Structures are given as C-alpha cells and as structure tokens.
Amino acid sequence: MKKTVFLFCVALMCLIAIGSCKHVEALADGGADGDSDSDSDSDSDGDSDTGPFGGLDGVDMLVVVDNSISMAEEQEILATAFFPLVNSLVNPLPGWSWPSVDNLRIAVVTSDMGLSWGGQPYTEGDGWPGTNPCSSTGDNGVFQTYYSGSTINIEHDVIPCDGSNAQCPTGWTCSETDSNQIGTCQAPGGEGGNQTCPGLNSTWSETTESSPNASMAFEVACLADQGTTGCGFEQQLQAAAAALSRPDQAAFVREEALLVILVVSDESDCSMEDGPAMFASDEIQDESGISMKNIACGENPDFLYDIEHYYTAYTGVKTAPNSVVFAAIVGVPMDDICQGTGDTLGDCLDHPDMELIPVVKVNSSGTDTWYFENACTRGAVTQGQPGRRYVKLANEEFGGLSYISSICNADWGPAMEEIARLIAISQQ
C-alpha cells in the first residue's frame, strides 16, 4: 500500500504541476528522475516552478457524515480521527515528507437528503406508502455547525503528537516522545470525555497563512457529532453534490485550491434519481410483515443516479483538471483488495463480502427486517454495508485521485494520514 500511495503522489504532482509524467514506476524503484537517462534533472534557475500543491494553493475539504441511527459510535471514532487528518496537513509530525498546508478549510454536511429525488423535494403523490418517514429534503447539503458550549468525546492517549504539542486539543499535553520524536496526546486527568468545543465563527473551519487557527482540528472534531436522527435512506453522494451546488455556499470552493470530497458512512449510497419508481418498487410497497425497505436501493440500482453523474458534479465546480480528490471510509472488507487508491481496487467488487446478499436480521427494535450481509464488522460496534457505489466511483472515475478505507478498522488514524498524503503535494 505504501508503494501505491507513493506512486499516487508522484503521479498527482506530475498531472497537476507538469501536465504529464512518464516512467513513474522508475521513481518508486529508485530511478533518479522520470526519463530514460541516468541524470538527475533539475530546475536550471534554481528556484521552484511549482507553488504549494504543484500549482494549487490550499485545500477545500467537504466531509459527508452519515447521521443515521447506526452511526453514534462511528461519529465518536471520527471525532478523534479528524485530528491526525488535519494535523497531517497543517501540523505534520517528524518524518512527514511533504510541506504543511497554509490554507485549509473544512466543511461538514450530513447524509440526510430526506426523500428528495432527482434534485427536487419529495411531495405527496410521489408514492411513498403512508406517511413520509423522513422529510422532503432533509439537510439538503447545508453546511453544519455546532452551538456554543457543545462538548465532544476525544480519545485519550491516541492522537500522535510531537514536542511542539501543536497536534493536541486545547489544554492537552503530549506524552514523552519516542526515538522518532512522536508521543500521544494526553487528556487532563486521563479522561477525554465531554471536552468543550472551541467557538466556531463560520459555517466551516479554516486556517490560513495570514490567520493561523490553532484550534482547527478541535473544531472539525466537534463537527463530527451530527446526531443519529437523519433519514435512513442515506444519499451521501447527492449530499455532497447538493452542498457544492448551493449558491449560498459557493464561496467555499476556491478555484486555486484542491477540492477533496470525503464520505464517512456505514451504509451504501441511495442517491435517488427516480423517486416515484423507487417508491413503487416491491421492496417499498411490500406488506408481508417483514420490512424490505433496507434493501430497496441495492435491489433497484436503475432508480439511482449513475456514478458518472457524481464525477461530473464534483469535478464540474472546478476549471483546472485533476483538482478534485474523492475519499471514503465506508463498508468494505478490511483487505488490501478493497483498501487503497481507486486505481488499485479493480477486483474489490468481486470480493465475496461485497456481494449484495439479502438476509433477515433483528433490528434495534427487536423486529425481523431484511438487510444485506455486512461487508465488514468490528465486534458489536460497527457493521458496514457493502459500499459498492463508493468503490465504483473511486475505481472507475477518480482512479489514483481517490482513496477507500474500511469503516470497520479499529484505528482510522492511518487511513486519515494516507488520505492526507494524497493531497499533500511536494514542492520539490
């Protein structure tokens, strides 16, 4: 996996900063440069022709957090995991091979789009049997925030840090560092529960070169807590598209910055293009006594937007080519075949745990309900449904400009650091 990530970084530098690149494999295998000769090419004037991120200045990251009923534990894990993600970009640890990011902004939206479909709200007559269990549009891609005085649980003795203590939440300290100058963030009193969130003065968290924000990782961690009352028909990919298309949020995406879409969810995507057809399906209309609604989206993919639609929606907000990265921490097996950059995941959908196999299970209310077999599990905490559409979007559309990791991993820190590596481009 490390070699794959290295190859991606080299390729991305070439695509963005140079426009083309040959013999990338030679660089990974020890070649001095990307051509066929034995010299070491250099810039004749001695300065750097590429700015931060190979010509792109800064990063705009949009995070989609699943806020359905099953995500309470995962949102807590995400809160701590946001620290290594942000720190890898703005406060890198010793040994990090790329320069830090001076201009980073992160916004969070939820997966709740209600029962909207085709870019329009659900209305009576669209065909849902009985009362709409969600709402017409849900959060509709609106950037989420938190109230003054909000608290968050952060894991003690987990977040990597160095002697500067810059990577830790406010009021925490870094433990004694090891031979690599790396320790872990220690909570006052040894407990990380109920940490008071710093004030957030915008609908997104941001740090800039002229106005550094030492609390950014803490702010983003607090944005991880989006509750669990969202619609059970999660439309993760559509939520990101809706957020990017809202005129009142247009200022978030900067043309000169790299755009990153990150989805965190234990459920598959159900971004509906044809709602009435979906609602008329046997799975939604079924009255057998054992609900089949949880498998409706997987059994009726023709009523969902094609994944190409979301590649176009995400890249369409940018003018520069190769300036959008897609990443997802979702339901995939914890195997190398299903984790890594998108261009390495060609066999993931053939993994037996990625098949959509309907089974009857008891839900949280003690009622028999149809579900798909999990792609992964972690004890009683996490059950990840097969995230086939995320894998297809990464593998077939974004390729090396994407990364997939399993939501069932006990530690999300390494995945967050790998995602950071994909967007941290060398100035060399």
Protein backbone atom coordinates (compact mmCIF):
# COMPACT_ATOMS: atom_id res chain seq x y z
CA MET A 1 0.00 0.00 0.00
CA LYS A 2 2.86 2.39 0.80
CA LYS A 3 4.24 1.98 -2.70
CA THR A 4 0.79 2.63 -4.17
CA VAL A 5 0.44 5.83 -2.17
CA PHE A 6 3.92 6.95 -3.21
CA LEU A 7 3.12 6.30 -6.85
CA PHE A 8 -0.09 8.27 -6.50
CA CYS A 9 1.70 11.27 -5.01
CA VAL A 10 4.29 11.29 -7.77
CA ALA A 11 1.65 10.90 -10.46
CA LEU A 12 -0.53 13.63 -8.97
CA MET A 13 2.42 16.04 -8.84
CA CYS A 14 3.04 15.35 -12.49
CA LEU A 15 -0.57 15.71 -13.53
CA ILE A 16 -1.16 18.98 -11.73
CA ALA A 17 2.22 20.67 -11.80
CA ILE A 18 3.69 19.42 -15.07
CA GLY A 19 0.80 18.13 -17.11
CA SER A 20 2.20 14.70 -17.94
CA CYS A 21 4.51 12.12 -16.42
CA LYS A 22 6.27 9.01 -17.74
CA HIS A 23 8.04 6.17 -16.01
CA VAL A 24 6.50 6.85 -12.59
CA GLU A 25 7.38 3.30 -11.64
CA ALA A 26 11.05 4.13 -12.10
CA LEU A 27 10.83 6.75 -9.37
CA ALA A 28 9.41 4.24 -6.93
CA ASP A 29 12.11 1.73 -7.84
CA GLY A 30 14.93 4.16 -7.25
CA GLY A 31 15.26 5.97 -10.59
CA ALA A 32 16.71 9.46 -10.29
CA ASP A 33 14.06 11.09 -12.46
CA GLY A 34 11.16 10.27 -14.73
CA ASP A 35 13.03 9.98 -18.04
CA SER A 36 15.10 7.18 -19.50
CA ASP A 37 18.52 8.71 -18.92
CA SER A 38 20.67 8.39 -15.84
CA ASP A 39 20.94 12.05 -14.93
CA SER A 40 19.15 13.89 -12.18
CA ASP A 41 17.04 16.57 -13.82
CA SER A 42 16.78 19.88 -12.01
CA ASP A 43 15.40 23.35 -12.48
CA SER A 44 18.11 25.38 -14.23
CA ASP A 45 17.27 28.63 -12.48
CA GLY A 46 17.50 27.02 -9.06
CA ASP A 47 14.06 28.00 -7.81
CA SER A 48 10.79 26.13 -7.61
CA ASP A 49 8.41 26.47 -10.55
CA THR A 50 5.54 24.90 -8.65
CA GLY A 51 3.74 26.52 -5.77
CA PRO A 52 2.06 24.66 -2.95
CA PHE A 53 0.31 21.52 -4.25
CA GLY A 54 2.04 21.70 -7.61
CA GLY A 55 0.35 24.95 -8.62
CA LEU A 56 -2.77 24.65 -6.44
CA ASP A 57 -2.79 26.87 -3.38
CA GLY A 58 -4.65 25.31 -0.46
CA VAL A 59 -7.26 22.62 0.17
CA ASP A 60 -11.06 22.81 0.39
CA MET A 61 -12.39 19.65 2.05
CA LEU A 62 -16.09 18.72 2.15
CA VAL A 63 -16.91 15.89 4.57
CA VAL A 64 -20.18 13.95 4.37
CA VAL A 65 -21.04 12.45 7.77
CA ASP A 66 -23.72 9.77 7.90
CA ASN A 67 -26.20 10.85 10.58
CA SER A 68 -28.49 7.84 10.51
CA ILE A 69 -29.40 5.78 13.56
CA SER A 70 -26.45 3.36 13.38
CA MET A 71 -23.67 5.97 13.39
CA ALA A 72 -23.32 7.05 17.04
CA GLU A 73 -20.14 5.07 17.76
CA GLU A 74 -18.63 5.85 14.37
CA GLN A 75 -19.11 9.59 14.84
CA GLU A 76 -17.18 9.32 18.12
CA ILE A 77 -14.38 7.48 16.33
CA LEU A 78 -14.42 10.14 13.61
CA ALA A 79 -14.03 12.97 16.14
CA THR A 80 -10.67 11.59 17.27
CA ALA A 81 -9.66 10.56 13.74
CA PHE A 82 -10.09 14.11 12.46
CA PHE A 83 -7.02 15.12 14.48
CA PRO A 84 -4.49 13.04 12.51
CA LEU A 85 -6.18 14.11 9.27
CA VAL A 86 -5.92 17.84 9.99
CA ASN A 87 -2.56 17.53 11.73
CA SER A 88 -1.05 15.63 8.81
CA LEU A 89 -1.83 18.66 6.68
CA VAL A 90 -1.17 21.64 8.96
CA ASN A 91 0.96 20.24 11.82
CA PRO A 92 2.90 17.32 10.29
CA LEU A 93 4.91 15.08 12.58
CA PRO A 94 8.66 14.50 12.24
CA GLY A 95 9.38 12.35 9.19
CA TRP A 96 6.42 13.66 7.19
CA SER A 97 7.80 14.07 3.68
CA TRP A 98 5.60 16.89 2.41
CA PRO A 99 5.34 20.55 3.48
CA SER A 100 2.41 21.66 5.60
CA VAL A 101 -0.70 23.33 4.20
CA ASP A 102 -1.04 27.05 4.88
CA ASN A 103 -4.62 27.37 3.59
CA LEU A 104 -7.09 24.68 4.62
CA ARG A 105 -10.85 24.83 5.07
CA ILE A 106 -13.19 22.00 6.04
CA ALA A 107 -16.99 21.94 5.93
CA VAL A 108 -19.31 19.14 7.07
CA VAL A 109 -22.69 18.07 5.69
CA THR A 110 -24.90 15.13 6.62
CA SER A 111 -26.18 12.24 4.52
CA ASP A 112 -29.77 13.34 5.17
CA MET A 113 -31.47 14.45 1.96
CA GLY A 114 -34.90 13.35 3.17
CA LEU A 115 -36.79 11.53 0.44
CA SER A 116 -35.83 14.10 -2.17
CA TRP A 117 -35.03 12.70 -5.59
CA GLY A 118 -33.83 13.99 -8.93
CA GLY A 119 -32.74 17.24 -7.28
CA GLN A 120 -36.24 18.10 -6.08
CA PRO A 121 -38.09 17.67 -2.77
CA TYR A 122 -40.41 14.79 -2.07
CA THR A 123 -44.04 15.78 -2.42
CA GLU A 124 -47.29 13.99 -1.66
CA GLY A 125 -48.17 11.82 -4.60
CA ASP A 126 -44.60 10.68 -5.25
CA GLY A 127 -45.68 7.29 -3.96
CA TRP A 128 -44.27 6.51 -0.53
CA PRO A 129 -46.82 4.23 1.19
CA GLY A 130 -48.28 6.06 4.15
CA THR A 131 -46.57 8.90 5.98
CA ASN A 132 -43.14 10.04 4.77
CA PRO A 133 -40.74 8.64 7.44
CA CYS A 134 -38.16 11.35 6.76
CA SER A 135 -38.74 14.83 5.39
CA SER A 136 -38.96 16.32 1.94
CA THR A 137 -35.33 17.45 1.64
CA GLY A 138 -33.55 16.72 4.94
CA ASP A 139 -30.48 18.90 5.49
CA ASN A 140 -30.15 19.34 1.73
CA GLY A 141 -26.37 19.82 1.70
CA VAL A 142 -26.34 22.70 4.18
CA PHE A 143 -23.01 23.15 5.99
CA GLN A 144 -23.46 22.06 9.60
CA THR A 145 -22.18 23.82 12.72
CA TYR A 146 -22.45 23.43 16.48
CA TYR A 147 -23.67 25.54 19.36
CA SER A 148 -21.54 27.43 21.83
CA GLY A 149 -20.81 25.20 24.81
CA SER A 150 -21.07 21.96 22.81
CA THR A 151 -18.93 19.08 24.03
CA ILE A 152 -17.26 16.15 22.30
CA ASN A 153 -15.58 12.93 23.40
CA ILE A 154 -11.95 12.60 22.27
CA GLU A 155 -9.86 9.51 22.93
CA HIS A 156 -7.05 9.89 25.45
CA ASP A 157 -3.55 8.62 24.60
CA VAL A 158 -4.33 8.03 20.90
CA ILE A 159 -3.62 11.16 18.82
CA PRO A 160 0.04 11.28 17.66
CA CYS A 161 1.97 14.42 18.59
CA ASP A 162 5.47 15.83 18.85
CA GLY A 163 7.24 18.04 21.35
CA SER A 164 5.54 21.15 19.99
CA ASN A 165 2.17 19.89 21.34
CA ALA A 166 0.56 21.58 18.31
CA GLN A 167 -1.35 18.42 17.37
CA CYS A 168 -3.29 18.11 20.64
CA PRO A 169 -6.66 19.52 21.72
CA THR A 170 -6.54 22.75 23.69
CA GLY A 171 -5.41 22.08 27.26
CA TRP A 172 -3.94 18.64 26.47
CA THR A 173 -0.25 17.76 26.58
CA CYS A 174 1.98 15.49 24.50
CA SER A 175 3.47 12.49 26.30
CA GLU A 176 7.17 11.86 26.39
CA THR A 177 8.20 11.31 22.78
CA ASP A 178 9.90 8.17 21.48
CA SER A 179 13.06 7.84 19.40
CA ASN A 180 11.12 9.16 16.40
CA GLN A 181 10.13 12.26 18.41
CA ILE A 182 6.50 11.11 18.48
CA GLY A 183 4.24 10.77 21.53
CA THR A 184 0.48 10.80 22.10
CA CYS A 185 -1.92 13.49 23.28
CA GLN A 186 -2.80 13.21 26.98
CA ALA A 187 -6.09 14.48 28.35
CA PRO A 188 -6.13 16.37 31.66
CA GLY A 189 -6.85 13.77 34.31
CA GLY A 190 -6.51 10.97 31.79
CA GLU A 191 -10.09 11.22 30.51
CA GLY A 192 -11.10 12.68 27.15
CA GLY A 193 -14.87 12.77 27.62
CA ASN A 194 -17.02 15.91 27.46
CA GLN A 195 -14.38 18.21 26.02
CA THR A 196 -15.75 21.73 25.50
CA CYS A 197 -15.63 22.70 21.84
CA PRO A 198 -13.89 25.91 20.80
CA GLY A 199 -16.02 28.65 19.30
CA LEU A 200 -16.75 28.33 15.57
CA ASN A 201 -17.31 31.65 13.85
CA SER A 202 -18.20 30.38 10.39
CA THR A 203 -20.06 27.58 8.65
CA TRP A 204 -16.70 25.95 8.03
CA SER A 205 -13.41 25.63 9.90
CA GLU A 206 -10.39 27.31 8.37
CA THR A 207 -6.74 28.12 8.85
CA THR A 208 -4.80 30.46 6.59
CA GLU A 209 -1.23 31.65 6.31
CA SER A 210 -2.22 35.13 7.45
CA SER A 211 -4.58 33.90 10.18
CA PRO A 212 -3.45 30.53 11.59
CA ASN A 213 -6.09 28.63 13.53
CA ALA A 214 -4.53 26.50 16.26
CA SER A 215 -7.94 25.04 17.14
CA MET A 216 -8.86 23.83 13.66
CA ALA A 217 -8.54 20.09 14.35
CA PHE A 218 -10.60 20.54 17.53
CA GLU A 219 -13.30 22.46 15.62
CA VAL A 220 -13.53 19.78 12.94
CA ALA A 221 -13.68 17.06 15.61
CA CYS A 222 -16.70 18.82 17.09
CA LEU A 223 -18.33 18.89 13.65
CA ALA A 224 -18.18 15.08 13.62
CA ASP A 225 -21.08 14.93 16.07
CA GLN A 226 -24.09 15.20 13.76
CA GLY A 227 -26.51 13.06 15.74
CA THR A 228 -28.37 9.98 14.56
CA THR A 229 -31.80 11.23 13.55
CA GLY A 230 -31.12 11.53 9.81
CA CYS A 231 -33.15 9.79 7.14
CA GLY A 232 -32.50 6.06 6.82
CA PHE A 233 -32.38 6.42 3.05
CA GLU A 234 -28.89 7.92 3.09
CA GLN A 235 -27.94 9.90 -0.02
CA GLN A 236 -24.27 10.50 0.71
CA LEU A 237 -23.09 11.26 -2.82
CA GLN A 238 -26.06 13.51 -3.51
CA ALA A 239 -25.49 15.41 -0.25
CA ALA A 240 -22.01 16.39 -1.41
CA ALA A 241 -23.32 17.41 -4.83
CA ALA A 242 -26.10 19.45 -3.24
CA ALA A 243 -23.63 21.22 -0.96
CA LEU A 244 -21.41 22.18 -3.88
CA SER A 245 -24.35 23.49 -5.93
CA ARG A 246 -25.90 25.73 -3.28
CA PRO A 247 -25.48 29.42 -4.22
CA ASP A 248 -25.27 30.39 -0.54
CA GLN A 249 -22.19 28.14 -0.17
CA ALA A 250 -20.47 28.94 -3.45
CA ALA A 251 -17.69 30.87 -1.69
CA PHE A 252 -16.41 27.68 -0.08
CA VAL A 253 -14.78 26.30 -3.22
CA ARG A 254 -11.74 28.30 -4.31
CA GLU A 255 -10.59 27.86 -7.88
CA GLU A 256 -6.94 27.89 -6.84
CA ALA A 257 -7.39 25.17 -4.19
CA LEU A 258 -7.58 21.38 -4.35
CA LEU A 259 -11.14 20.13 -3.65
CA VAL A 260 -11.48 16.99 -1.52
CA ILE A 261 -14.73 15.05 -1.01
CA LEU A 262 -14.64 12.67 1.99
CA VAL A 263 -17.58 10.36 2.82
CA VAL A 264 -17.84 8.61 6.20
CA SER A 265 -20.70 6.12 6.36
CA ASP A 266 -21.58 2.56 7.36
CA GLU A 267 -24.35 2.38 4.76
CA SER A 268 -24.44 2.16 0.98
CA ASP A 269 -25.38 5.18 -1.10
CA CYS A 270 -29.02 5.65 -2.14
CA SER A 271 -28.87 8.86 -4.17
CA MET A 272 -32.19 8.69 -5.99
CA GLU A 273 -32.77 9.99 -9.49
CA ASP A 274 -36.25 8.48 -9.91
CA GLY A 275 -38.05 8.58 -6.58
CA PRO A 276 -41.52 7.56 -7.75
CA ALA A 277 -40.11 4.45 -9.40
CA MET A 278 -38.16 3.58 -6.25
CA PHE A 279 -41.18 4.14 -4.03
CA ALA A 280 -43.32 1.95 -6.30
CA SER A 281 -40.86 -0.95 -6.04
CA ASP A 282 -41.88 -4.22 -4.41
CA GLU A 283 -39.38 -3.62 -1.60
CA ILE A 284 -41.01 -0.33 -0.57
CA GLN A 285 -44.61 -1.40 -1.17
CA ASP A 286 -44.17 -4.84 0.44
CA GLU A 287 -46.75 -5.67 3.10
CA SER A 288 -45.58 -9.17 4.02
CA GLY A 289 -44.83 -8.18 7.59
CA ILE A 290 -41.03 -8.35 7.24
CA SER A 291 -39.84 -4.96 6.05
CA MET A 292 -37.74 -4.98 2.88
CA LYS A 293 -37.14 -1.22 2.76
CA ASN A 294 -33.49 -1.55 3.83
CA ILE A 295 -32.65 -3.45 0.67
CA ALA A 296 -34.71 -1.32 -1.74
CA CYS A 297 -31.81 0.80 -3.01
CA GLY A 298 -29.48 -2.13 -3.61
CA GLU A 299 -32.19 -4.13 -5.36
CA ASN A 300 -33.16 -1.21 -7.64
CA PRO A 301 -29.94 0.47 -8.84
CA ASP A 302 -31.63 1.70 -12.04
CA PHE A 303 -33.53 4.26 -9.97
CA LEU A 304 -30.31 5.79 -8.61
CA TYR A 305 -28.01 8.30 -10.27
CA ASP A 306 -25.17 6.72 -12.20
CA ILE A 307 -21.82 7.19 -10.52
CA GLU A 308 -20.62 9.16 -13.56
CA HIS A 309 -23.15 11.80 -12.55
CA TYR A 310 -21.21 12.45 -9.35
CA TYR A 311 -17.82 12.53 -11.02
CA THR A 312 -19.22 15.28 -13.25
CA ALA A 313 -20.93 17.05 -10.34
CA TYR A 314 -17.76 17.16 -8.24
CA THR A 315 -15.25 17.99 -10.94
CA GLY A 316 -17.64 20.39 -12.64
CA VAL A 317 -17.20 23.02 -9.92
CA LYS A 318 -13.52 23.33 -10.86
CA THR A 319 -11.86 24.60 -14.02
CA ALA A 320 -8.41 23.07 -13.57
CA PRO A 321 -8.15 19.36 -14.44
CA ASN A 322 -7.13 16.84 -11.79
CA SER A 323 -8.01 19.21 -8.96
CA VAL A 324 -10.59 17.03 -7.16
CA VAL A 325 -9.87 14.09 -4.85
CA PHE A 326 -12.53 11.61 -3.64
CA ALA A 327 -12.10 9.57 -0.46
CA ALA A 328 -14.41 7.36 1.60
CA ILE A 329 -14.32 5.49 4.90
CA VAL A 330 -17.15 3.07 4.26
CA GLY A 331 -18.33 -0.54 4.28
CA VAL A 332 -15.61 -2.54 2.56
CA PRO A 333 -13.67 -5.61 3.76
CA MET A 334 -10.51 -4.91 5.73
CA ASP A 335 -8.41 -6.42 2.94
CA ASP A 336 -5.88 -4.76 0.64
CA ILE A 337 -8.05 -5.68 -2.33
CA CYS A 338 -10.67 -3.17 -1.11
CA GLN A 339 -8.50 -0.55 0.61
CA GLY A 340 -6.19 1.88 -1.13
CA THR A 341 -6.20 4.29 -4.05
CA GLY A 342 -9.01 3.83 -6.53
CA ASP A 343 -6.78 2.57 -9.31
CA THR A 344 -5.88 -0.49 -7.19
CA LEU A 345 -9.46 -1.57 -6.42
CA GLY A 346 -10.39 -3.23 -9.69
CA ASP A 347 -11.10 -6.58 -8.02
CA CYS A 348 -12.87 -5.24 -4.92
CA LEU A 349 -16.41 -5.58 -6.24
CA ASP A 350 -15.74 -9.28 -6.87
CA HIS A 351 -14.85 -9.84 -3.22
CA PRO A 352 -17.46 -12.20 -1.73
CA ASP A 353 -18.13 -9.81 1.15
CA MET A 354 -19.04 -7.06 -1.31
CA GLU A 355 -21.93 -9.05 -2.79
CA LEU A 356 -25.45 -7.85 -2.01
CA ILE A 357 -26.92 -10.86 -0.19
CA PRO A 358 -30.33 -10.23 1.45
CA VAL A 359 -30.85 -11.82 4.87
CA VAL A 360 -33.39 -11.38 7.66
CA LYS A 361 -31.98 -9.90 10.86
CA VAL A 362 -33.47 -8.47 14.04
CA ASN A 363 -33.33 -4.67 14.07
CA SER A 364 -32.77 -2.41 17.08
CA SER A 365 -36.48 -2.55 17.90
CA GLY A 366 -36.49 -6.34 18.03
CA THR A 367 -38.34 -6.70 14.73
CA ASP A 368 -37.37 -9.01 11.88
CA THR A 369 -36.13 -6.90 8.95
CA TRP A 370 -34.39 -7.53 5.64
CA TYR A 371 -30.79 -6.30 5.38
CA PHE A 372 -27.81 -7.05 3.19
CA GLU A 373 -25.00 -9.13 4.64
CA ASN A 374 -22.27 -6.90 6.02
CA ALA A 375 -19.10 -6.23 4.07
CA CYS A 376 -17.28 -5.90 7.39
CA THR A 377 -17.90 -5.89 11.13
CA ARG A 378 -15.99 -4.80 14.21
CA GLY A 379 -17.43 -6.51 17.23
CA ALA A 380 -20.82 -5.14 18.16
CA VAL A 381 -19.77 -1.57 17.35
CA THR A 382 -19.62 -1.32 13.56
CA GLN A 383 -21.48 -3.12 10.80
CA GLY A 384 -20.60 -1.83 7.36
CA GLN A 385 -22.98 -2.50 4.50
CA PRO A 386 -21.27 -3.12 1.12
CA GLY A 387 -20.29 0.31 -0.21
CA ARG A 388 -20.25 -0.71 -3.85
CA ARG A 389 -21.06 2.70 -5.32
CA TYR A 390 -18.18 4.40 -3.49
CA VAL A 391 -15.75 1.78 -4.78
CA LYS A 392 -17.09 2.16 -8.32
CA LEU A 393 -16.77 5.94 -8.17
CA ALA A 394 -13.19 5.64 -6.94
CA ASN A 395 -12.09 2.86 -9.27
CA GLU A 396 -13.93 3.75 -12.47
CA GLU A 397 -13.96 7.55 -12.31
CA PHE A 398 -11.35 9.06 -9.98
CA GLY A 399 -8.72 6.31 -10.18
CA GLY A 400 -5.50 7.38 -8.48
CA LEU A 401 -7.15 10.58 -7.30
CA SER A 402 -9.17 8.66 -4.71
CA TYR A 403 -8.80 6.52 -1.61
CA ILE A 404 -11.07 3.94 0.07
CA SER A 405 -10.72 2.58 3.61
CA SER A 406 -12.89 0.28 5.73
CA ILE A 407 -15.08 1.83 8.41
CA CYS A 408 -14.54 -1.36 10.43
CA ASN A 409 -10.87 -0.61 11.10
CA ALA A 410 -10.33 -0.13 14.82
CA ASP A 411 -8.00 2.82 14.19
CA TRP A 412 -8.89 5.34 11.49
CA GLY A 413 -5.74 7.37 12.07
CA PRO A 414 -3.63 5.53 9.45
CA ALA A 415 -6.38 5.94 6.83
CA MET A 416 -6.62 9.65 7.60
CA GLU A 417 -2.86 10.01 7.23
CA GLU A 418 -2.94 8.18 3.89
CA ILE A 419 -5.75 10.46 2.67
CA ALA A 420 -3.63 13.42 3.75
CA ARG A 421 -0.71 12.05 1.74
CA LEU A 422 -2.85 12.01 -1.38
CA ILE A 423 -3.46 15.73 -1.16
CA ALA A 424 -0.14 16.91 0.21
CA ILE A 425 1.92 17.57 -2.90
CA SER A 426 5.69 18.10 -2.67
CA GLN A 427 7.15 21.45 -3.68
CA GLN A 428 10.40 19.78 -4.69
